[in-house]
Amino acid sequence: MDSWINLDALWKIMVVGLLTGAGLPALFALGLRTLNPPARAGGAGGAAVDRPTAGPVGYAVAGLCFAAVLAAIGWGISVIVNHS
């Protein structure tokens, strides 16, 4: 059965597929979440509470997340272009 299915290649494809298929969207979502932190509860009688801003740490984390996603996209494009 090993001659019919290459298990070494199969696990590599699964790992890369999971990282790019689930990891990159999750990283992008984390970047968006740091730009829009949740509002704090505690207004009297359900009064509207101003939403907090991200702050410098939130912007830095979001920038790192977006940079990693863009780097992965650029790497994928370069692999496709150089191997064709």
PDB file of N, CA and C in Angstrom:
ATOM      1  N   MET A   1       0.824  -1.192   0.000  1.00  0.00           N
ATOM      2  CA  MET A   1       0.000   0.000   0.000  1.00  0.00           C
ATOM      3  C   MET A   1       0.871   1.259   0.000  1.00  0.00           C
ATOM      4  N   ASP A   2       2.089   1.150   0.519  1.00  0.00           N
ATOM      5  CA  ASP A   2       2.976   2.307   0.529  1.00  0.00           C
ATOM      6  C   ASP A   2       3.376   2.728  -0.881  1.00  0.00           C
ATOM      7  N   SER A   3       3.431   1.791  -1.801  1.00  0.00           N
ATOM      8  CA  SER A   3       3.785   2.158  -3.169  1.00  0.00           C
ATOM      9  C   SER A   3       2.619   2.852  -3.866  1.00  0.00           C
ATOM     10  N   TRP A   4       1.430   2.651  -3.354  1.00  0.00           N
ATOM     11  CA  TRP A   4       0.252   3.249  -3.974  1.00  0.00           C
ATOM     12  C   TRP A   4      -0.043   4.634  -3.409  1.00  0.00           C
ATOM     13  N   ILE A   5       0.173   4.825  -2.111  1.00  0.00           N
ATOM     14  CA  ILE A   5      -0.053   6.103  -1.434  1.00  0.00           C
ATOM     15  C   ILE A   5       1.246   6.525  -0.766  1.00  0.00           C
ATOM     16  N   ASN A   6       1.704   7.716  -1.103  1.00  0.00           N
ATOM     17  CA  ASN A   6       2.916   8.249  -0.499  1.00  0.00           C
ATOM     18  C   ASN A   6       2.526   8.953   0.807  1.00  0.00           C
ATOM     19  N   LEU A   7       2.682   8.259   1.925  1.00  0.00           N
ATOM     20  CA  LEU A   7       2.259   8.799   3.212  1.00  0.00           C
ATOM     21  C   LEU A   7       3.097   9.988   3.656  1.00  0.00           C
ATOM     22  N   ASP A   8       4.367  10.021   3.284  1.00  0.00           N
ATOM     23  CA  ASP A   8       5.222  11.146   3.638  1.00  0.00           C
ATOM     24  C   ASP A   8       4.718  12.433   2.986  1.00  0.00           C
ATOM     25  N   ALA A   9       4.380  12.361   1.718  1.00  0.00           N
ATOM     26  CA  ALA A   9       3.854  13.539   1.018  1.00  0.00           C
ATOM     27  C   ALA A   9       2.465  13.898   1.527  1.00  0.00           C
ATOM     28  N   LEU A  10       1.684  12.886   1.880  1.00  0.00           N
ATOM     29  CA  LEU A  10       0.315  13.127   2.336  1.00  0.00           C
ATOM     30  C   LEU A  10       0.277  13.920   3.636  1.00  0.00           C
ATOM     31  N   TRP A  11       1.139  13.585   4.611  1.00  0.00           N
ATOM     32  CA  TRP A  11       1.099  14.334   5.874  1.00  0.00           C
ATOM     33  C   TRP A  11       1.615  15.751   5.676  1.00  0.00           C
ATOM     34  N   LYS A  12       2.589  15.941   4.762  1.00  0.00           N
ATOM     35  CA  LYS A  12       3.078  17.293   4.488  1.00  0.00           C
ATOM     36  C   LYS A  12       1.990  18.153   3.862  1.00  0.00           C
ATOM     37  N   ILE A  13       1.238  17.574   2.958  1.00  0.00           N
ATOM     38  CA  ILE A  13       0.136  18.305   2.329  1.00  0.00           C
ATOM     39  C   ILE A  13      -0.930  18.652   3.366  1.00  0.00           C
ATOM     40  N   MET A  14      -1.217  17.738   4.266  1.00  0.00           N
ATOM     41  CA  MET A  14      -2.223  17.998   5.307  1.00  0.00           C
ATOM     42  C   MET A  14      -1.788  19.128   6.241  1.00  0.00           C
ATOM     43  N   VAL A  15      -0.527  19.127   6.645  1.00  0.00           N
ATOM     44  CA  VAL A  15      -0.033  20.168   7.555  1.00  0.00           C
ATOM     45  C   VAL A  15      -0.058  21.533   6.884  1.00  0.00           C
ATOM     46  N   VAL A  16       0.439  21.606   5.672  1.00  0.00           N
ATOM     47  CA  VAL A  16       0.444  22.885   4.964  1.00  0.00           C
ATOM     48  C   VAL A  16      -0.975  23.342   4.678  1.00  0.00           C
ATOM     49  N   GLY A  17      -1.853  22.421   4.331  1.00  0.00           N
ATOM     50  CA  GLY A  17      -3.249  22.771   4.085  1.00  0.00           C
ATOM     51  C   GLY A  17      -3.946  23.306   5.324  1.00  0.00           C
ATOM     52  N   LEU A  18      -3.680  22.683   6.464  1.00  0.00           N
ATOM     53  CA  LEU A  18      -4.288  23.168   7.705  1.00  0.00           C
ATOM     54  C   LEU A  18      -3.736  24.537   8.103  1.00  0.00           C
ATOM     55  N   LEU A  19      -2.425  24.721   7.947  1.00  0.00           N
ATOM     56  CA  LEU A  19      -1.824  26.006   8.314  1.00  0.00           C
ATOM     57  C   LEU A  19      -2.332  27.137   7.424  1.00  0.00           C
ATOM     58  N   THR A  20      -2.381  26.893   6.135  1.00  0.00           N
ATOM     59  CA  THR A  20      -2.805  27.957   5.228  1.00  0.00           C
ATOM     60  C   THR A  20      -4.321  28.074   5.155  1.00  0.00           C
ATOM     61  N   GLY A  21      -5.008  26.975   5.303  1.00  0.00           N
ATOM     62  CA  GLY A  21      -6.468  27.002   5.189  1.00  0.00           C
ATOM     63  C   GLY A  21      -7.171  27.467   6.446  1.00  0.00           C
ATOM     64  N   ALA A  22      -6.586  27.217   7.600  1.00  0.00           N
ATOM     65  CA  ALA A  22      -7.205  27.630   8.861  1.00  0.00           C
ATOM     66  C   ALA A  22      -6.336  28.614   9.625  1.00  0.00           C
ATOM     67  N   GLY A  23      -5.029  28.455   9.534  1.00  0.00           N
ATOM     68  CA  GLY A  23      -4.131  29.309  10.314  1.00  0.00           C
ATOM     69  C   GLY A  23      -4.082  30.746   9.839  1.00  0.00           C
ATOM     70  N   LEU A  24      -3.979  30.947   8.529  1.00  0.00           N
ATOM     71  CA  LEU A  24      -3.902  32.322   8.022  1.00  0.00           C
ATOM     72  C   LEU A  24      -5.205  33.098   8.230  1.00  0.00           C
ATOM     73  N   PRO A  25      -6.377  32.511   7.968  1.00  0.00           N
ATOM     74  CA  PRO A  25      -7.609  33.248   8.298  1.00  0.00           C
ATOM     75  C   PRO A  25      -7.743  33.532   9.798  1.00  0.00           C
ATOM     76  N   ALA A  26      -7.294  32.606  10.640  1.00  0.00           N
ATOM     77  CA  ALA A  26      -7.346  32.842  12.084  1.00  0.00           C
ATOM     78  C   ALA A  26      -6.407  33.970  12.489  1.00  0.00           C
ATOM     79  N   LEU A  27      -5.238  34.026  11.866  1.00  0.00           N
ATOM     80  CA  LEU A  27      -4.293  35.098  12.152  1.00  0.00           C
ATOM     81  C   LEU A  27      -4.845  36.446  11.688  1.00  0.00           C
ATOM     82  N   PHE A  28      -5.490  36.461  10.535  1.00  0.00           N
ATOM     83  CA  PHE A  28      -6.123  37.680  10.037  1.00  0.00           C
ATOM     84  C   PHE A  28      -7.249  38.128  10.984  1.00  0.00           C
ATOM     85  N   ALA A  29      -8.049  37.181  11.450  1.00  0.00           N
ATOM     86  CA  ALA A  29      -9.129  37.504  12.388  1.00  0.00           C
ATOM     87  C   ALA A  29      -8.580  38.037  13.703  1.00  0.00           C
ATOM     88  N   LEU A  30      -7.462  37.494  14.160  1.00  0.00           N
ATOM     89  CA  LEU A  30      -6.830  38.002  15.375  1.00  0.00           C
ATOM     90  C   LEU A  30      -6.378  39.447  15.178  1.00  0.00           C
ATOM     91  N   GLY A  31      -5.828  39.752  14.008  1.00  0.00           N
ATOM     92  CA  GLY A  31      -5.436  41.123  13.707  1.00  0.00           C
ATOM     93  C   GLY A  31      -6.625  42.068  13.715  1.00  0.00           C
ATOM     94  N   LEU A  32      -7.727  41.640  13.134  1.00  0.00           N
ATOM     95  CA  LEU A  32      -8.935  42.475  13.146  1.00  0.00           C
ATOM     96  C   LEU A  32      -9.473  42.650  14.564  1.00  0.00           C
ATOM     97  N   ARG A  33      -9.398  41.583  15.348  1.00  0.00           N
ATOM     98  CA  ARG A  33      -9.915  41.654  16.726  1.00  0.00           C
ATOM     99  C   ARG A  33      -9.091  42.615  17.582  1.00  0.00           C
ATOM    100  N   THR A  34      -7.790  42.676  17.350  1.00  0.00           N
ATOM    101  CA  THR A  34      -6.974  43.600  18.141  1.00  0.00           C
ATOM    102  C   THR A  34      -7.219  45.049  17.741  1.00  0.00           C
ATOM    103  N   LEU A  35      -7.703  45.268  16.528  1.00  0.00           N
ATOM    104  CA  LEU A  35      -8.047  46.635  16.119  1.00  0.00           C
ATOM    105  C   LEU A  35      -9.388  47.086  16.688  1.00  0.00           C
ATOM    106  N   ASN A  36     -10.245  46.127  17.059  1.00  0.00           N
ATOM    107  CA  ASN A  36     -11.574  46.449  17.555  1.00  0.00           C
ATOM    108  C   ASN A  36     -11.829  45.687  18.849  1.00  0.00           C
ATOM    109  N   PRO A  37     -11.264  46.161  19.963  1.00  0.00           N
ATOM    110  CA  PRO A  37     -11.454  45.437  21.235  1.00  0.00           C
ATOM    111  C   PRO A  37     -12.906  45.501  21.694  1.00  0.00           C
ATOM    112  N   PRO A  38     -13.333  44.547  22.507  1.00  0.00           N
ATOM    113  CA  PRO A  38     -14.729  44.534  22.963  1.00  0.00           C
ATOM    114  C   PRO A  38     -15.022  45.687  23.924  1.00  0.00           C
ATOM    115  N   ALA A  39     -16.273  46.127  23.901  1.00  0.00           N
ATOM    116  CA  ALA A  39     -16.701  47.202  24.803  1.00  0.00           C
ATOM    117  C   ALA A  39     -16.810  46.646  26.215  1.00  0.00           C
ATOM    118  N   ARG A  40     -16.569  47.493  27.175  1.00  0.00           N
ATOM    119  CA  ARG A  40     -16.696  47.080  28.579  1.00  0.00           C
ATOM    120  C   ARG A  40     -18.146  47.214  29.009  1.00  0.00           C
ATOM    121  N   ALA A  41     -18.638  46.196  29.674  1.00  0.00           N
ATOM    122  CA  ALA A  41     -19.992  46.248  30.209  1.00  0.00           C
ATOM    123  C   ALA A  41     -19.966  47.034  31.520  1.00  0.00           C
ATOM    124  N   GLY A  42     -21.097  47.519  31.921  1.00  0.00           N
ATOM    125  CA  GLY A  42     -21.155  48.186  33.208  1.00  0.00           C
ATOM    126  C   GLY A  42     -21.894  49.500  33.193  1.00  0.00           C
ATOM    127  N   GLY A  43     -22.525  49.822  32.094  1.00  0.00           N
ATOM    128  CA  GLY A  43     -23.336  51.040  32.072  1.00  0.00           C
ATOM    129  C   GLY A  43     -24.583  50.844  32.926  1.00  0.00           C
ATOM    130  N   ALA A  44     -24.988  51.861  33.654  1.00  0.00           N
ATOM    131  CA  ALA A  44     -26.163  51.757  34.519  1.00  0.00           C
ATOM    132  C   ALA A  44     -27.419  51.656  33.659  1.00  0.00           C
ATOM    133  N   GLY A  45     -28.207  50.626  33.892  1.00  0.00           N
ATOM    134  CA  GLY A  45     -29.456  50.465  33.167  1.00  0.00           C
ATOM    135  C   GLY A  45     -29.251  50.135  31.699  1.00  0.00           C
ATOM    136  N   GLY A  46     -28.142  49.556  31.364  1.00  0.00           N
ATOM    137  CA  GLY A  46     -27.891  49.195  29.969  1.00  0.00           C
ATOM    138  C   GLY A  46     -27.516  50.393  29.120  1.00  0.00           C
ATOM    139  N   ALA A  47     -26.950  51.422  29.755  1.00  0.00           N
ATOM    140  CA  ALA A  47     -26.554  52.613  29.007  1.00  0.00           C
ATOM    141  C   ALA A  47     -25.446  52.273  28.022  1.00  0.00           C
ATOM    142  N   ALA A  48     -25.422  52.994  26.926  1.00  0.00           N
ATOM    143  CA  ALA A  48     -24.405  52.772  25.903  1.00  0.00           C
ATOM    144  C   ALA A  48     -23.030  53.138  26.456  1.00  0.00           C
ATOM    145  N   VAL A  49     -22.065  52.308  26.161  1.00  0.00           N
ATOM    146  CA  VAL A  49     -20.701  52.531  26.610  1.00  0.00           C
ATOM    147  C   VAL A  49     -19.847  52.780  25.380  1.00  0.00           C
ATOM    148  N   ASP A  50     -18.987  53.803  25.457  1.00  0.00           N
ATOM    149  CA  ASP A  50     -18.100  54.083  24.336  1.00  0.00           C
ATOM    150  C   ASP A  50     -17.151  52.911  24.122  1.00  0.00           C
ATOM    151  N   ARG A  51     -16.929  52.599  22.858  1.00  0.00           N
ATOM    152  CA  ARG A  51     -16.011  51.510  22.535  1.00  0.00           C
ATOM    153  C   ARG A  51     -14.583  52.005  22.698  1.00  0.00           C
ATOM    154  N   PRO A  52     -13.741  51.199  23.320  1.00  0.00           N
ATOM    155  CA  PRO A  52     -12.338  51.605  23.482  1.00  0.00           C
ATOM    156  C   PRO A  52     -11.592  51.510  22.152  1.00  0.00           C
ATOM    157  N   THR A  53     -10.518  52.258  22.050  1.00  0.00           N
ATOM    158  CA  THR A  53      -9.680  52.183  20.858  1.00  0.00           C
ATOM    159  C   THR A  53      -8.616  51.109  21.051  1.00  0.00           C
ATOM    160  N   ALA A  54      -7.959  50.756  19.978  1.00  0.00           N
ATOM    161  CA  ALA A  54      -6.998  49.658  20.020  1.00  0.00           C
ATOM    162  C   ALA A  54      -5.750  50.005  20.817  1.00  0.00           C
ATOM    163  N   GLY A  55      -5.279  51.218  20.720  1.00  0.00           N
ATOM    164  CA  GLY A  55      -4.057  51.593  21.411  1.00  0.00           C
ATOM    165  C   GLY A  55      -2.827  51.150  20.637  1.00  0.00           C
ATOM    166  N   PRO A  56      -1.658  51.585  21.079  1.00  0.00           N
ATOM    167  CA  PRO A  56      -0.437  51.269  20.322  1.00  0.00           C
ATOM    168  C   PRO A  56      -0.085  49.777  20.302  1.00  0.00           C
ATOM    169  N   VAL A  57      -0.359  49.073  21.378  1.00  0.00           N
ATOM    170  CA  VAL A  57      -0.057  47.637  21.394  1.00  0.00           C
ATOM    171  C   VAL A  57      -0.983  46.891  20.437  1.00  0.00           C
ATOM    172  N   GLY A  58      -2.243  47.278  20.425  1.00  0.00           N
ATOM    173  CA  GLY A  58      -3.196  46.653  19.502  1.00  0.00           C
ATOM    174  C   GLY A  58      -2.815  46.882  18.051  1.00  0.00           C
ATOM    175  N   TYR A  59      -2.378  48.101  17.732  1.00  0.00           N
ATOM    176  CA  TYR A  59      -1.949  48.391  16.367  1.00  0.00           C
ATOM    177  C   TYR A  59      -0.688  47.608  16.005  1.00  0.00           C
ATOM    178  N   ALA A  60       0.219  47.443  16.949  1.00  0.00           N
ATOM    179  CA  ALA A  60       1.448  46.690  16.683  1.00  0.00           C
ATOM    180  C   ALA A  60       1.137  45.214  16.452  1.00  0.00           C
ATOM    181  N   VAL A  61       0.279  44.630  17.279  1.00  0.00           N
ATOM    182  CA  VAL A  61      -0.081  43.221  17.113  1.00  0.00           C
ATOM    183  C   VAL A  61      -0.828  43.028  15.794  1.00  0.00           C
ATOM    184  N   ALA A  62      -1.746  43.925  15.485  1.00  0.00           N
ATOM    185  CA  ALA A  62      -2.480  43.828  14.225  1.00  0.00           C
ATOM    186  C   ALA A  62      -1.528  43.953  13.040  1.00  0.00           C
ATOM    187  N   GLY A  63      -0.581  44.860  13.119  1.00  0.00           N
ATOM    188  CA  GLY A  63       0.388  45.017  12.035  1.00  0.00           C
ATOM    189  C   GLY A  63       1.227  43.773  11.837  1.00  0.00           C
ATOM    190  N   LEU A  64       1.631  43.134  12.927  1.00  0.00           N
ATOM    191  CA  LEU A  64       2.395  41.886  12.819  1.00  0.00           C
ATOM    192  C   LEU A  64       1.554  40.766  12.211  1.00  0.00           C
ATOM    193  N   CYS A  65       0.296  40.683  12.622  1.00  0.00           N
ATOM    194  CA  CYS A  65      -0.586  39.656  12.061  1.00  0.00           C
ATOM    195  C   CYS A  65      -0.783  39.866  10.566  1.00  0.00           C
ATOM    196  N   PHE A  66      -1.068  41.105  10.169  1.00  0.00           N
ATOM    197  CA  PHE A  66      -1.298  41.386   8.754  1.00  0.00           C
ATOM    198  C   PHE A  66      -0.016  41.207   7.944  1.00  0.00           C
ATOM    199  N   ALA A  67       1.130  41.551   8.517  1.00  0.00           N
ATOM    200  CA  ALA A  67       2.406  41.363   7.819  1.00  0.00           C
ATOM    201  C   ALA A  67       2.691  39.876   7.607  1.00  0.00           C
ATOM    202  N   ALA A  68       2.376  39.056   8.588  1.00  0.00           N
ATOM    203  CA  ALA A  68       2.588  37.616   8.443  1.00  0.00           C
ATOM    204  C   ALA A  68       1.679  37.034   7.362  1.00  0.00           C
ATOM    205  N   VAL A  69       0.437  37.495   7.312  1.00  0.00           N
ATOM    206  CA  VAL A  69      -0.485  37.023   6.280  1.00  0.00           C
ATOM    207  C   VAL A  69       0.007  37.455   4.900  1.00  0.00           C
ATOM    208  N   LEU A  70       0.428  38.705   4.768  1.00  0.00           N
ATOM    209  CA  LEU A  70       0.934  39.186   3.482  1.00  0.00           C
ATOM    210  C   LEU A  70       2.214  38.455   3.077  1.00  0.00           C
ATOM    211  N   ALA A  71       3.078  38.165   4.039  1.00  0.00           N
ATOM    212  CA  ALA A  71       4.302  37.425   3.731  1.00  0.00           C
ATOM    213  C   ALA A  71       3.973  36.015   3.239  1.00  0.00           C
ATOM    214  N   ALA A  72       3.001  35.367   3.844  1.00  0.00           N
ATOM    215  CA  ALA A  72       2.604  34.029   3.406  1.00  0.00           C
ATOM    216  C   ALA A  72       2.008  34.070   2.001  1.00  0.00           C
ATOM    217  N   ILE A  73       1.226  35.084   1.725  1.00  0.00           N
ATOM    218  CA  ILE A  73       0.655  35.223   0.377  1.00  0.00           C
ATOM    219  C   ILE A  73       1.769  35.461  -0.640  1.00  0.00           C
ATOM    220  N   GLY A  74       2.711  36.345  -0.317  1.00  0.00           N
ATOM    221  CA  GLY A  74       3.832  36.604  -1.216  1.00  0.00           C
ATOM    222  C   GLY A  74       4.689  35.380  -1.435  1.00  0.00           C
ATOM    223  N   TRP A  75       4.931  34.609  -0.369  1.00  0.00           N
ATOM    224  CA  TRP A  75       5.706  33.384  -0.497  1.00  0.00           C
ATOM    225  C   TRP A  75       4.986  32.388  -1.395  1.00  0.00           C
ATOM    226  N   GLY A  76       3.678  32.253  -1.221  1.00  0.00           N
ATOM    227  CA  GLY A  76       2.900  31.334  -2.060  1.00  0.00           C
ATOM    228  C   GLY A  76       2.939  31.728  -3.522  1.00  0.00           C
ATOM    229  N   ILE A  77       2.824  33.021  -3.796  1.00  0.00           N
ATOM    230  CA  ILE A  77       2.886  33.488  -5.186  1.00  0.00           C
ATOM    231  C   ILE A  77       4.271  33.227  -5.766  1.00  0.00           C
ATOM    232  N   SER A  78       5.316  33.476  -4.988  1.00  0.00           N
ATOM    233  CA  SER A  78       6.671  33.237  -5.509  1.00  0.00           C
ATOM    234  C   SER A  78       6.927  31.757  -5.771  1.00  0.00           C
ATOM    235  N   VAL A  79       6.395  30.885  -4.938  1.00  0.00           N
ATOM    236  CA  VAL A  79       6.547  29.451  -5.173  1.00  0.00           C
ATOM    237  C   VAL A  79       5.841  29.038  -6.463  1.00  0.00           C
ATOM    238  N   ILE A  80       4.655  29.568  -6.678  1.00  0.00           N
ATOM    239  CA  ILE A  80       3.911  29.235  -7.893  1.00  0.00           C
ATOM    240  C   ILE A  80       4.635  29.754  -9.131  1.00  0.00           C
ATOM    241  N   VAL A  81       5.129  30.980  -9.079  1.00  0.00           N
ATOM    242  CA  VAL A  81       5.785  31.576 -10.246  1.00  0.00           C
ATOM    243  C   VAL A  81       7.112  30.891 -10.540  1.00  0.00           C
ATOM    244  N   ASN A  82       7.896  30.578  -9.524  1.00  0.00           N
ATOM    245  CA  ASN A  82       9.220  30.010  -9.743  1.00  0.00           C
ATOM    246  C   ASN A  82       9.193  28.528 -10.111  1.00  0.00           C
ATOM    247  N   HIS A  83       8.121  27.825  -9.820  1.00  0.00           N
ATOM    248  CA  HIS A  83       8.066  26.399 -10.118  1.00  0.00           C
ATOM    249  C   HIS A  83       7.250  26.076 -11.358  1.00  0.00           C
ATOM    250  N   SER A  84       6.884  27.067 -12.130  1.00  0.00           N
ATOM    251  CA  SER A  84       6.078  26.760 -13.316  1.00  0.00           C
ATOM    252  C   SER A  84       6.888  26.784 -14.586  1.00  0.00           C
TER     253      SER A  84
END
